[in-house]
N, C-alpha and C. Protein backbone atom coordinates (compact mmCIF):
# COMPACT_ATOMS: atom_id res chain seq x y z
N MET A 1 0.70 -1.29 -0.04
CA MET A 1 -0.17 0.16 0.41
C MET A 1 0.76 1.50 0.20
N VAL A 2 2.02 1.36 0.85
CA VAL A 2 2.49 2.72 1.07
C VAL A 2 3.68 2.67 -0.01
N PRO A 3 4.38 1.41 -1.03
CA PRO A 3 4.84 1.76 -1.78
C PRO A 3 3.94 2.20 -3.07
N ALA A 4 2.94 1.26 -3.23
CA ALA A 4 1.99 2.23 -4.14
C ALA A 4 1.45 3.70 -4.21
N ALA A 5 1.91 4.00 -3.09
CA ALA A 5 1.06 5.07 -2.69
C ALA A 5 2.80 6.23 -3.31
N LEU A 6 3.64 5.89 -2.68
CA LEU A 6 4.55 6.80 -3.09
C LEU A 6 5.23 6.75 -4.46
N PHE A 7 4.87 5.92 -5.10
CA PHE A 7 4.73 5.41 -6.49
C PHE A 7 4.34 6.66 -7.48
N LYS A 8 2.52 6.32 -6.87
CA LYS A 8 1.86 7.33 -7.92
C LYS A 8 2.32 9.13 -7.39
N LEU A 9 2.91 9.36 -6.01
CA LEU A 9 3.52 10.69 -5.65
C LEU A 9 4.54 10.74 -6.54
N ALA A 10 5.23 9.92 -6.88
CA ALA A 10 6.09 9.82 -7.71
C ALA A 10 5.95 10.25 -9.02
N ASP A 11 4.97 9.82 -9.63
CA ASP A 11 4.29 9.59 -10.64
C ASP A 11 4.09 10.93 -11.17
N THR A 12 2.89 11.82 -10.47
CA THR A 12 2.12 12.64 -10.28
C THR A 12 3.48 14.41 -10.29
N LEU A 13 5.28 13.57 -9.45
CA LEU A 13 5.53 15.07 -9.11
C LEU A 13 6.53 15.05 -10.53
N PHE A 14 6.78 13.77 -11.08
CA PHE A 14 8.04 13.86 -11.84
C PHE A 14 7.37 12.92 -13.87
N LEU A 15 5.83 14.21 -13.78
CA LEU A 15 5.65 13.79 -14.98
C LEU A 15 6.36 13.94 -16.14
N SER A 16 7.23 14.86 -15.90
CA SER A 16 8.12 15.19 -17.23
C SER A 16 9.03 13.91 -17.34
N ALA A 17 9.32 13.10 -16.29
CA ALA A 17 10.23 12.60 -16.26
C ALA A 17 10.04 11.04 -16.80
N ASP A 18 11.49 10.35 -17.51
CA ASP A 18 11.12 9.18 -17.75
C ASP A 18 11.53 7.98 -16.86
N LEU A 19 10.03 7.22 -16.62
CA LEU A 19 10.17 6.36 -15.20
C LEU A 19 10.17 5.08 -15.84
N ASP A 20 11.78 4.73 -15.93
CA ASP A 20 12.12 3.46 -16.70
C ASP A 20 11.58 2.66 -15.57
N GLY A 21 11.64 1.01 -16.14
CA GLY A 21 12.11 -0.09 -14.85
C GLY A 21 13.46 -0.01 -13.95
N LYS A 22 14.30 0.51 -14.47
CA LYS A 22 15.17 1.01 -13.23
C LYS A 22 15.07 1.81 -12.11
N PHE A 23 14.38 2.88 -12.69
CA PHE A 23 14.08 3.85 -11.31
C PHE A 23 12.92 2.95 -10.35
N ILE A 24 11.73 2.70 -11.51
CA ILE A 24 10.98 2.24 -10.55
C ILE A 24 11.79 0.92 -9.70
N CYS A 25 12.57 -0.23 -10.12
CA CYS A 25 13.42 -0.74 -8.95
C CYS A 25 13.76 0.02 -7.75
N GLU A 26 14.71 0.80 -8.07
CA GLU A 26 15.27 1.78 -7.21
C GLU A 26 14.58 2.43 -6.57
N LEU A 27 13.40 3.03 -6.85
CA LEU A 27 12.54 3.71 -6.15
C LEU A 27 12.04 3.04 -5.28
N ILE A 28 11.32 1.53 -5.49
CA ILE A 28 10.87 0.27 -4.44
C ILE A 28 11.82 -0.14 -3.47
N ASN A 29 12.83 0.02 -3.81
CA ASN A 29 14.17 -0.86 -2.96
C ASN A 29 14.78 -0.07 -1.81
N LEU A 30 14.40 1.98 -2.28
CA LEU A 30 14.51 3.27 -1.32
C LEU A 30 13.80 3.27 -0.16
N ILE A 31 12.24 2.66 -0.57
CA ILE A 31 11.50 2.57 -0.21
C ILE A 31 11.24 1.48 0.95
N ASN A 32 11.89 0.29 0.44
CA ASN A 32 12.03 -0.84 0.92
C ASN A 32 13.08 -0.54 2.25
N THR A 33 13.97 -0.38 2.38
CA THR A 33 15.12 0.67 3.13
C THR A 33 14.97 1.29 4.12
N ILE A 34 14.26 2.47 3.89
CA ILE A 34 13.70 3.18 4.31
C ILE A 34 12.49 2.60 6.09
N LEU A 35 11.56 1.50 5.01
CA LEU A 35 10.62 1.05 5.83
C LEU A 35 11.46 -0.20 6.78
N LEU A 36 13.31 -0.46 6.97
CA LEU A 36 13.63 -1.49 7.10
C LEU A 36 13.89 -0.67 8.43
N ILE A 37 14.71 0.77 7.83
CA ILE A 37 15.22 1.53 9.42
C ILE A 37 13.90 1.64 9.90
N LEU A 38 12.88 2.17 9.57
CA LEU A 38 11.83 2.22 10.45
C LEU A 38 11.40 1.19 11.59
N ILE A 39 11.41 0.17 11.06
CA ILE A 39 11.59 -1.52 11.92
C ILE A 39 12.07 -1.04 12.93
N HIS A 40 13.66 -1.08 12.15
CA HIS A 40 15.03 -1.56 12.86
C HIS A 40 14.46 -0.50 14.29
N THR A 41 14.25 0.74 13.98
CA THR A 41 14.14 1.87 15.19
C THR A 41 12.71 1.79 16.41
N VAL A 42 11.57 0.90 15.67
CA VAL A 42 10.23 0.97 16.47
C VAL A 42 10.91 -0.55 17.36
N MET A 43 11.43 -1.57 16.65
CA MET A 43 11.88 -2.98 17.08
C MET A 43 13.11 -2.59 18.55
N HIS A 44 13.75 -1.45 17.87
CA HIS A 44 15.14 -1.63 19.04
C HIS A 44 15.19 -0.45 20.12
N VAL A 45 14.82 0.46 19.74
CA VAL A 45 15.51 1.78 20.16
C VAL A 45 14.42 2.10 21.03
N TYR A 46 12.64 1.81 21.02
CA TYR A 46 11.67 1.93 21.60
C TYR A 46 11.97 1.23 22.72
N PRO A 47 11.98 -0.02 22.78
CA PRO A 47 11.96 -1.22 24.01
C PRO A 47 13.00 -0.30 24.87
N GLY A 48 14.47 0.09 24.51
CA GLY A 48 15.56 0.49 25.20
C GLY A 48 15.00 1.45 26.07
N LEU A 49 14.05 2.38 25.10
CA LEU A 49 13.90 3.70 25.50
C LEU A 49 12.57 3.15 27.11
N PHE A 50 11.97 2.38 26.58
CA PHE A 50 10.77 2.03 27.84
C PHE A 50 12.12 1.45 29.02
N VAL A 51 12.41 0.07 28.81
CA VAL A 51 13.71 -0.16 29.68
C VAL A 51 14.49 1.09 30.97
N PHE A 52 15.01 1.93 29.89
CA PHE A 52 15.89 2.97 30.20
C PHE A 52 14.78 3.83 31.39
N VAL A 53 13.89 4.11 30.78
CA VAL A 53 12.59 5.27 31.94
C VAL A 53 12.11 4.49 33.17
N GLY A 54 11.88 2.46 32.53
CA GLY A 54 11.35 1.95 33.45
C GLY A 54 12.59 1.91 34.65
N LEU A 55 13.57 1.95 34.37
CA LEU A 55 14.95 1.97 35.78
C LEU A 55 15.21 2.96 36.21
N MET A 56 14.71 4.46 35.89
CA MET A 56 14.66 5.77 36.12
C MET A 56 13.61 5.87 37.32
N ARG A 57 12.40 5.11 36.86
CA ARG A 57 11.44 4.98 37.63
C ARG A 57 11.47 4.23 39.19
N SER A 58 12.16 3.42 38.95
CA SER A 58 12.19 2.09 39.69
C SER A 58 13.66 2.95 40.52
N ALA A 59 14.71 3.71 39.96
CA ALA A 59 15.53 4.13 41.15
C ALA A 59 14.71 5.29 41.97
N VAL A 60 13.72 6.20 41.01
CA VAL A 60 12.85 6.90 42.26
C VAL A 60 12.89 6.51 43.01
N VAL A 61 11.70 5.84 42.86
CA VAL A 61 10.82 5.07 44.02
C VAL A 61 11.66 4.38 45.30
N LEU A 62 12.71 3.75 44.58
CA LEU A 62 13.97 3.15 45.74
C LEU A 62 14.24 4.18 46.55
N TYR A 63 14.93 5.50 45.68
CA TYR A 63 15.55 6.71 46.99
C TYR A 63 14.08 6.84 47.80
N ASP A 64 13.27 7.03 47.34
CA ASP A 64 11.73 7.65 47.76
C ASP A 64 12.06 6.32 49.07
N LEU A 65 11.58 5.86 48.89
CA LEU A 65 11.81 3.85 50.02
C LEU A 65 12.81 4.22 50.82
N LEU A 66 14.42 4.14 50.48
CA LEU A 66 15.04 4.50 51.43
C LEU A 66 14.88 5.77 52.17
N SER A 67 14.53 6.90 51.72
CA SER A 67 14.82 8.18 52.24
C SER A 67 13.52 8.00 53.71
N THR A 68 12.79 7.32 53.38
CA THR A 68 11.28 7.35 53.85
C THR A 68 12.18 6.35 55.37
N TRP A 69 12.64 4.90 54.73
CA TRP A 69 13.12 3.98 56.19
C TRP A 69 14.06 4.89 56.73
N SER A 70 14.83 5.53 56.21
CA SER A 70 16.09 6.42 56.96
C SER A 70 15.14 7.45 58.11
N GLN A 71 14.27 8.14 57.47
CA GLN A 71 13.41 9.12 58.37
C GLN A 71 12.52 8.50 59.81
N THR A 72 12.36 7.41 59.04
CA THR A 72 11.86 6.02 60.71
C THR A 72 13.18 6.23 61.47
N ILE A 73 14.17 5.47 60.97
CA ILE A 73 15.03 5.10 61.56
C ILE A 73 15.70 6.30 62.88
N ARG A 74 15.90 7.54 62.33
CA ARG A 74 15.99 8.80 62.72
C ARG A 74 15.16 8.91 63.69
N ASP A 75 14.21 8.93 63.49
CA ASP A 75 12.77 9.17 64.47
C ASP A 75 12.85 8.16 65.73
N LYS A 76 13.15 6.72 65.40
CA LYS A 76 13.63 6.20 66.42
C LYS A 76 14.09 6.73 67.47
N GLU A 77 15.08 7.04 66.49
CA GLU A 77 16.62 7.27 68.00
C GLU A 77 16.68 8.93 68.64
N PHE A 78 15.78 9.44 67.59
CA PHE A 78 15.49 10.45 68.26
C PHE A 78 14.72 10.55 69.48
N LEU A 79 13.80 9.76 69.44
CA LEU A 79 12.70 9.04 71.11
C LEU A 79 13.38 8.02 72.12
N VAL A 80 14.31 7.51 71.86
CA VAL A 80 15.02 6.82 72.30
C VAL A 80 16.07 7.99 73.25
N GLU A 81 17.13 8.74 72.53
CA GLU A 81 17.34 9.62 72.90
C GLU A 81 16.60 10.47 73.84
N MET A 82 15.67 11.32 73.63
CA MET A 82 14.83 11.74 74.66
C MET A 82 14.30 10.82 75.48
N ARG A 83 14.33 9.84 75.63
CA ARG A 83 13.68 8.89 76.86
C ARG A 83 14.82 8.95 78.05
N LEU A 84 16.39 8.46 76.90
CA LEU A 84 17.48 8.73 78.29
C LEU A 84 17.91 10.25 78.88
N VAL A 85 17.11 10.67 78.39
CA VAL A 85 17.71 12.42 78.57
C VAL A 85 16.43 12.40 79.88
N ASN A 86 15.14 11.88 79.72
CA ASN A 86 14.21 12.20 80.78
C ASN A 86 14.87 11.36 81.78
N HIS A 87 14.89 10.06 81.28
CA HIS A 87 15.63 9.11 82.34
C HIS A 87 17.02 9.78 83.60
N ASP A 88 17.51 10.40 82.16
CA ASP A 88 19.02 11.42 83.09
C ASP A 88 18.38 12.39 84.33
N ASN A 89 17.67 13.07 83.73
CA ASN A 89 16.68 13.95 85.08
C ASN A 89 16.22 13.49 85.57
N GLU A 90 15.89 12.59 85.50
CA GLU A 90 14.49 11.57 86.84
C GLU A 90 15.80 11.15 87.64
N LYS A 91 17.58 10.67 87.12
CA LYS A 91 18.36 10.24 87.84
C LYS A 91 18.75 11.29 88.65
N THR A 92 18.96 12.49 88.20
CA THR A 92 19.60 13.88 88.64
C THR A 92 18.91 14.37 90.10
N GLU A 93 17.16 14.29 89.35
CA GLU A 93 16.07 14.72 90.40
C GLU A 93 16.36 13.71 91.67
N VAL A 94 16.54 12.51 91.45
CA VAL A 94 16.46 11.61 92.56
C VAL A 94 17.76 11.79 93.62
N LYS A 95 18.87 11.54 93.06
CA LYS A 95 20.17 12.09 93.59
C LYS A 95 20.16 13.44 94.47
N ASP A 96 19.48 14.81 93.45
CA ASP A 96 19.12 16.13 94.72
C ASP A 96 18.47 15.50 95.52
N ASN A 97 16.75 14.87 95.50
CA ASN A 97 16.01 14.72 96.51
C ASN A 97 16.89 13.63 97.84
N VAL A 98 17.77 13.43 97.02
CA VAL A 98 18.61 11.98 98.61
C VAL A 98 19.53 12.99 98.75
N GLY A 99 20.06 13.93 98.28
CA GLY A 99 21.30 14.80 99.05
C GLY A 99 20.47 15.50 100.11
N ALA A 100 18.99 15.90 99.49
CA ALA A 100 18.49 17.00 99.99
C ALA A 100 18.17 16.61 101.48
N GLU A 101 17.86 15.03 101.27
CA GLU A 101 17.70 14.06 102.47
C GLU A 101 19.06 13.88 103.41
N VAL A 102 19.91 13.63 103.25
CA VAL A 102 20.84 13.18 103.51
C VAL A 102 21.56 14.43 104.77
N GLN A 103 21.44 15.92 103.75
CA GLN A 103 21.05 17.13 104.64
C GLN A 103 20.79 17.25 105.46
N SER A 104 19.32 16.95 105.56
CA SER A 104 18.36 17.33 106.30
C SER A 104 19.00 16.28 107.20
N VAL A 105 18.89 14.78 107.51
CA VAL A 105 19.10 13.89 108.11
C VAL A 105 19.99 14.74 109.44
N ALA A 106 21.54 14.76 108.45
CA ALA A 106 22.50 15.64 109.36
C ALA A 106 22.44 16.64 109.69
N ARG A 107 21.38 17.10 109.12
CA ARG A 107 21.02 18.34 110.16
C ARG A 107 20.50 18.15 111.74
N ILE A 108 19.77 17.34 111.36
CA ILE A 108 18.52 16.73 112.21
C ILE A 108 19.47 16.05 113.42
N GLU A 109 20.65 15.20 113.07
CA GLU A 109 21.51 14.38 113.83
C GLU A 109 22.69 15.70 114.97
N ALA A 110 22.44 16.81 113.79
CA ALA A 110 23.94 17.77 114.64
C ALA A 110 22.74 18.02 115.52
N ARG A 111 21.60 18.71 116.11
CA ARG A 111 20.67 19.23 116.88
C ARG A 111 21.28 18.49 118.13
């Protein structure tokens, strides 16, 4: 269908040209070459583009996943650190209370 349409286009464009059998064969060979190049492009370039885009999307999703995971780890470590700080404050308060009780006991004994 396409070679026939191209031949008809060439026929209308080159009315004054002598379209012998050799010219027609070369024109058909040219058309076949162009079609083979297009088929090669479709069969090899587009799947390559598809694979490339798929790999890039996978990399973005993996990066987001790792970012979320690392943020979760940082949050957990922060909460553990805050608990430890609270325990340190409680221990210093207990030590201060024990120290105050020891001082008050010492004052009572000193009287």
